[in-house]
Amino acid sequence: MKDTGLEAAYAYAAQMQARHAPTRRFVRKSELRQIVPLGESTIYELEKSNDFPRRILLTPRIPVWDLAEVEAWVDQRRKDTEMGRIKPAAAPGRLKRKSKSIGERR
């Protein structure tokens, strides 16, 4: 004989949990680099200066990032770019190049 009251309580609890407590999703470095195409050292420097979501260490060798925080960071960067708060870096001048152009070599 089944206890329908208990089954109903479990079903209700599962519905409430799904509705009120969204699960957090974490991404590893390989997936993070697909979302945010930055190099490891750039991500590390941005984390250090508190300009990027901080990594969470699941174990000493497995860093992960909260997907919601990363997506919020990308959205904020988009808004900042559209509002003119972030401007593209200027191209280096001709005199700062490491090698000379073909016409300058002669």
C-alpha atoms as a PDB file:
ATOM      1  CA  MET A   1       0.000   0.000   0.000  1.00  0.00           C
ATOM      2  CA  LYS A   2       1.404   3.387  -1.054  1.00  0.00           C
ATOM      3  CA  ASP A   3       1.431   6.441   1.168  1.00  0.00           C
ATOM      4  CA  THR A   4      -0.027   8.990  -1.246  1.00  0.00           C
ATOM      5  CA  GLY A   5       0.276  11.792   1.291  1.00  0.00           C
ATOM      6  CA  LEU A   6       4.041  11.339   1.498  1.00  0.00           C
ATOM      7  CA  GLU A   7       4.388  11.117  -2.289  1.00  0.00           C
ATOM      8  CA  ALA A   8       2.333  14.292  -2.661  1.00  0.00           C
ATOM      9  CA  ALA A   9       4.530  16.047  -0.088  1.00  0.00           C
ATOM     10  CA  TYR A  10       7.681  15.013  -1.960  1.00  0.00           C
ATOM     11  CA  ALA A  11       6.194  16.172  -5.269  1.00  0.00           C
ATOM     12  CA  TYR A  12       5.185  19.501  -3.732  1.00  0.00           C
ATOM     13  CA  ALA A  13       8.650  19.974  -2.191  1.00  0.00           C
ATOM     14  CA  ALA A  14      10.296  19.249  -5.536  1.00  0.00           C
ATOM     15  CA  GLN A  15       8.039  21.788  -7.277  1.00  0.00           C
ATOM     16  CA  MET A  16       8.775  24.464  -4.671  1.00  0.00           C
ATOM     17  CA  GLN A  17      12.493  23.797  -4.845  1.00  0.00           C
ATOM     18  CA  ALA A  18      12.486  24.029  -8.636  1.00  0.00           C
ATOM     19  CA  ARG A  19      10.462  27.223  -8.528  1.00  0.00           C
ATOM     20  CA  HIS A  20      12.289  29.044  -5.719  1.00  0.00           C
ATOM     21  CA  ALA A  21      15.826  27.728  -5.673  1.00  0.00           C
ATOM     22  CA  PRO A  22      17.379  27.622  -9.128  1.00  0.00           C
ATOM     23  CA  THR A  23      20.366  25.360  -9.343  1.00  0.00           C
ATOM     24  CA  ARG A  24      23.721  27.019  -9.785  1.00  0.00           C
ATOM     25  CA  ARG A  25      25.782  25.881 -12.709  1.00  0.00           C
ATOM     26  CA  PHE A  26      29.543  25.971 -12.661  1.00  0.00           C
ATOM     27  CA  VAL A  27      31.852  25.882 -15.671  1.00  0.00           C
ATOM     28  CA  ARG A  28      35.397  24.635 -15.906  1.00  0.00           C
ATOM     29  CA  LYS A  29      38.229  26.469 -17.618  1.00  0.00           C
ATOM     30  CA  SER A  30      37.678  24.926 -21.057  1.00  0.00           C
ATOM     31  CA  GLU A  31      34.015  25.950 -21.130  1.00  0.00           C
ATOM     32  CA  LEU A  32      34.819  29.374 -19.664  1.00  0.00           C
ATOM     33  CA  ARG A  33      37.269  30.030 -22.517  1.00  0.00           C
ATOM     34  CA  GLN A  34      34.506  29.225 -25.023  1.00  0.00           C
ATOM     35  CA  ILE A  35      32.217  31.786 -23.363  1.00  0.00           C
ATOM     36  CA  VAL A  36      34.913  34.403 -22.771  1.00  0.00           C
ATOM     37  CA  PRO A  37      37.693  34.080 -25.362  1.00  0.00           C
ATOM     38  CA  LEU A  38      40.471  35.485 -23.198  1.00  0.00           C
ATOM     39  CA  GLY A  39      43.827  33.949 -22.361  1.00  0.00           C
ATOM     40  CA  GLU A  40      44.483  32.344 -18.992  1.00  0.00           C
ATOM     41  CA  SER A  41      46.845  35.100 -17.898  1.00  0.00           C
ATOM     42  CA  THR A  42      44.316  37.801 -18.859  1.00  0.00           C
ATOM     43  CA  ILE A  43      41.567  36.068 -16.881  1.00  0.00           C
ATOM     44  CA  TYR A  44      43.939  35.733 -13.911  1.00  0.00           C
ATOM     45  CA  GLU A  45      44.890  39.439 -14.059  1.00  0.00           C
ATOM     46  CA  LEU A  46      41.232  40.484 -14.318  1.00  0.00           C
ATOM     47  CA  GLU A  47      40.379  38.272 -11.320  1.00  0.00           C
ATOM     48  CA  LYS A  48      43.260  39.762  -9.357  1.00  0.00           C
ATOM     49  CA  SER A  49      42.028  43.305 -10.010  1.00  0.00           C
ATOM     50  CA  ASN A  50      38.415  42.310  -9.149  1.00  0.00           C
ATOM     51  CA  ASP A  51      37.277  42.963 -12.722  1.00  0.00           C
ATOM     52  CA  PHE A  52      36.181  39.375 -13.409  1.00  0.00           C
ATOM     53  CA  PRO A  53      34.218  36.779 -11.378  1.00  0.00           C
ATOM     54  CA  ARG A  54      36.450  34.892  -8.965  1.00  0.00           C
ATOM     55  CA  ARG A  55      37.179  31.222  -9.452  1.00  0.00           C
ATOM     56  CA  ILE A  56      35.959  28.666  -6.927  1.00  0.00           C
ATOM     57  CA  LEU A  57      38.213  25.743  -6.104  1.00  0.00           C
ATOM     58  CA  LEU A  58      36.238  22.501  -5.946  1.00  0.00           C
ATOM     59  CA  THR A  59      39.505  20.733  -5.207  1.00  0.00           C
ATOM     60  CA  PRO A  60      43.034  22.154  -5.183  1.00  0.00           C
ATOM     61  CA  ARG A  61      43.331  21.314  -8.901  1.00  0.00           C
ATOM     62  CA  ILE A  62      39.816  22.003 -10.197  1.00  0.00           C
ATOM     63  CA  PRO A  63      38.866  25.673 -10.497  1.00  0.00           C
ATOM     64  CA  VAL A  64      35.342  26.513 -11.656  1.00  0.00           C
ATOM     65  CA  TRP A  65      33.405  29.713 -12.254  1.00  0.00           C
ATOM     66  CA  ASP A  66      29.746  30.447 -11.521  1.00  0.00           C
ATOM     67  CA  LEU A  67      28.068  30.599 -14.936  1.00  0.00           C
ATOM     68  CA  ALA A  68      25.528  33.216 -13.825  1.00  0.00           C
ATOM     69  CA  GLU A  69      28.330  35.531 -12.643  1.00  0.00           C
ATOM     70  CA  VAL A  70      30.258  35.096 -15.899  1.00  0.00           C
ATOM     71  CA  GLU A  71      27.152  35.798 -18.004  1.00  0.00           C
ATOM     72  CA  ALA A  72      26.383  38.866 -15.888  1.00  0.00           C
ATOM     73  CA  TRP A  73      29.969  40.077 -16.415  1.00  0.00           C
ATOM     74  CA  VAL A  74      29.646  39.653 -20.201  1.00  0.00           C
ATOM     75  CA  ASP A  75      26.313  41.525 -20.190  1.00  0.00           C
ATOM     76  CA  GLN A  76      27.841  44.349 -18.153  1.00  0.00           C
ATOM     77  CA  ARG A  77      30.809  44.615 -20.528  1.00  0.00           C
ATOM     78  CA  ARG A  78      28.382  44.835 -23.447  1.00  0.00           C
ATOM     79  CA  LYS A  79      26.434  47.641 -21.737  1.00  0.00           C
ATOM     80  CA  ASP A  80      29.640  49.493 -20.815  1.00  0.00           C
ATOM     81  CA  THR A  81      30.872  49.245 -24.404  1.00  0.00           C
ATOM     82  CA  GLU A  82      27.568  50.504 -25.811  1.00  0.00           C
ATOM     83  CA  MET A  83      27.581  53.432 -23.395  1.00  0.00           C
ATOM     84  CA  GLY A  84      31.159  54.362 -24.319  1.00  0.00           C
ATOM     85  CA  ARG A  85      32.719  53.486 -20.947  1.00  0.00           C
ATOM     86  CA  ILE A  86      35.055  50.984 -22.596  1.00  0.00           C
ATOM     87  CA  LYS A  87      36.909  52.143 -25.659  1.00  0.00           C
ATOM     88  CA  PRO A  88      39.058  50.078 -28.025  1.00  0.00           C
ATOM     89  CA  ALA A  89      42.791  50.333 -27.480  1.00  0.00           C
ATOM     90  CA  ALA A  90      44.634  52.565 -29.888  1.00  0.00           C
ATOM     91  CA  ALA A  91      46.824  50.861 -32.459  1.00  0.00           C
ATOM     92  CA  PRO A  92      50.547  51.237 -31.784  1.00  0.00           C
ATOM     93  CA  GLY A  93      52.247  53.934 -33.790  1.00  0.00           C
ATOM     94  CA  ARG A  94      54.581  53.206 -36.680  1.00  0.00           C
ATOM     95  CA  LEU A  95      57.610  54.010 -34.531  1.00  0.00           C
ATOM     96  CA  LYS A  96      56.620  51.512 -31.826  1.00  0.00           C
ATOM     97  CA  ARG A  97      56.545  48.494 -34.142  1.00  0.00           C
ATOM     98  CA  LYS A  98      59.123  45.822 -33.418  1.00  0.00           C
ATOM     99  CA  SER A  99      59.884  45.205 -37.078  1.00  0.00           C
ATOM    100  CA  LYS A 100      60.000  47.655 -39.926  1.00  0.00           C
ATOM    101  CA  SER A 101      57.548  47.513 -42.769  1.00  0.00           C
ATOM    102  CA  ILE A 102      58.810  46.314 -46.176  1.00  0.00           C
ATOM    103  CA  GLY A 103      59.265  49.851 -47.511  1.00  0.00           C
ATOM    104  CA  GLU A 104      61.344  50.883 -44.474  1.00  0.00           C
ATOM    105  CA  ARG A 105      63.793  47.953 -44.758  1.00  0.00           C
ATOM    106  CA  ARG A 106      65.564  49.257 -47.842  1.00  0.00           C
END
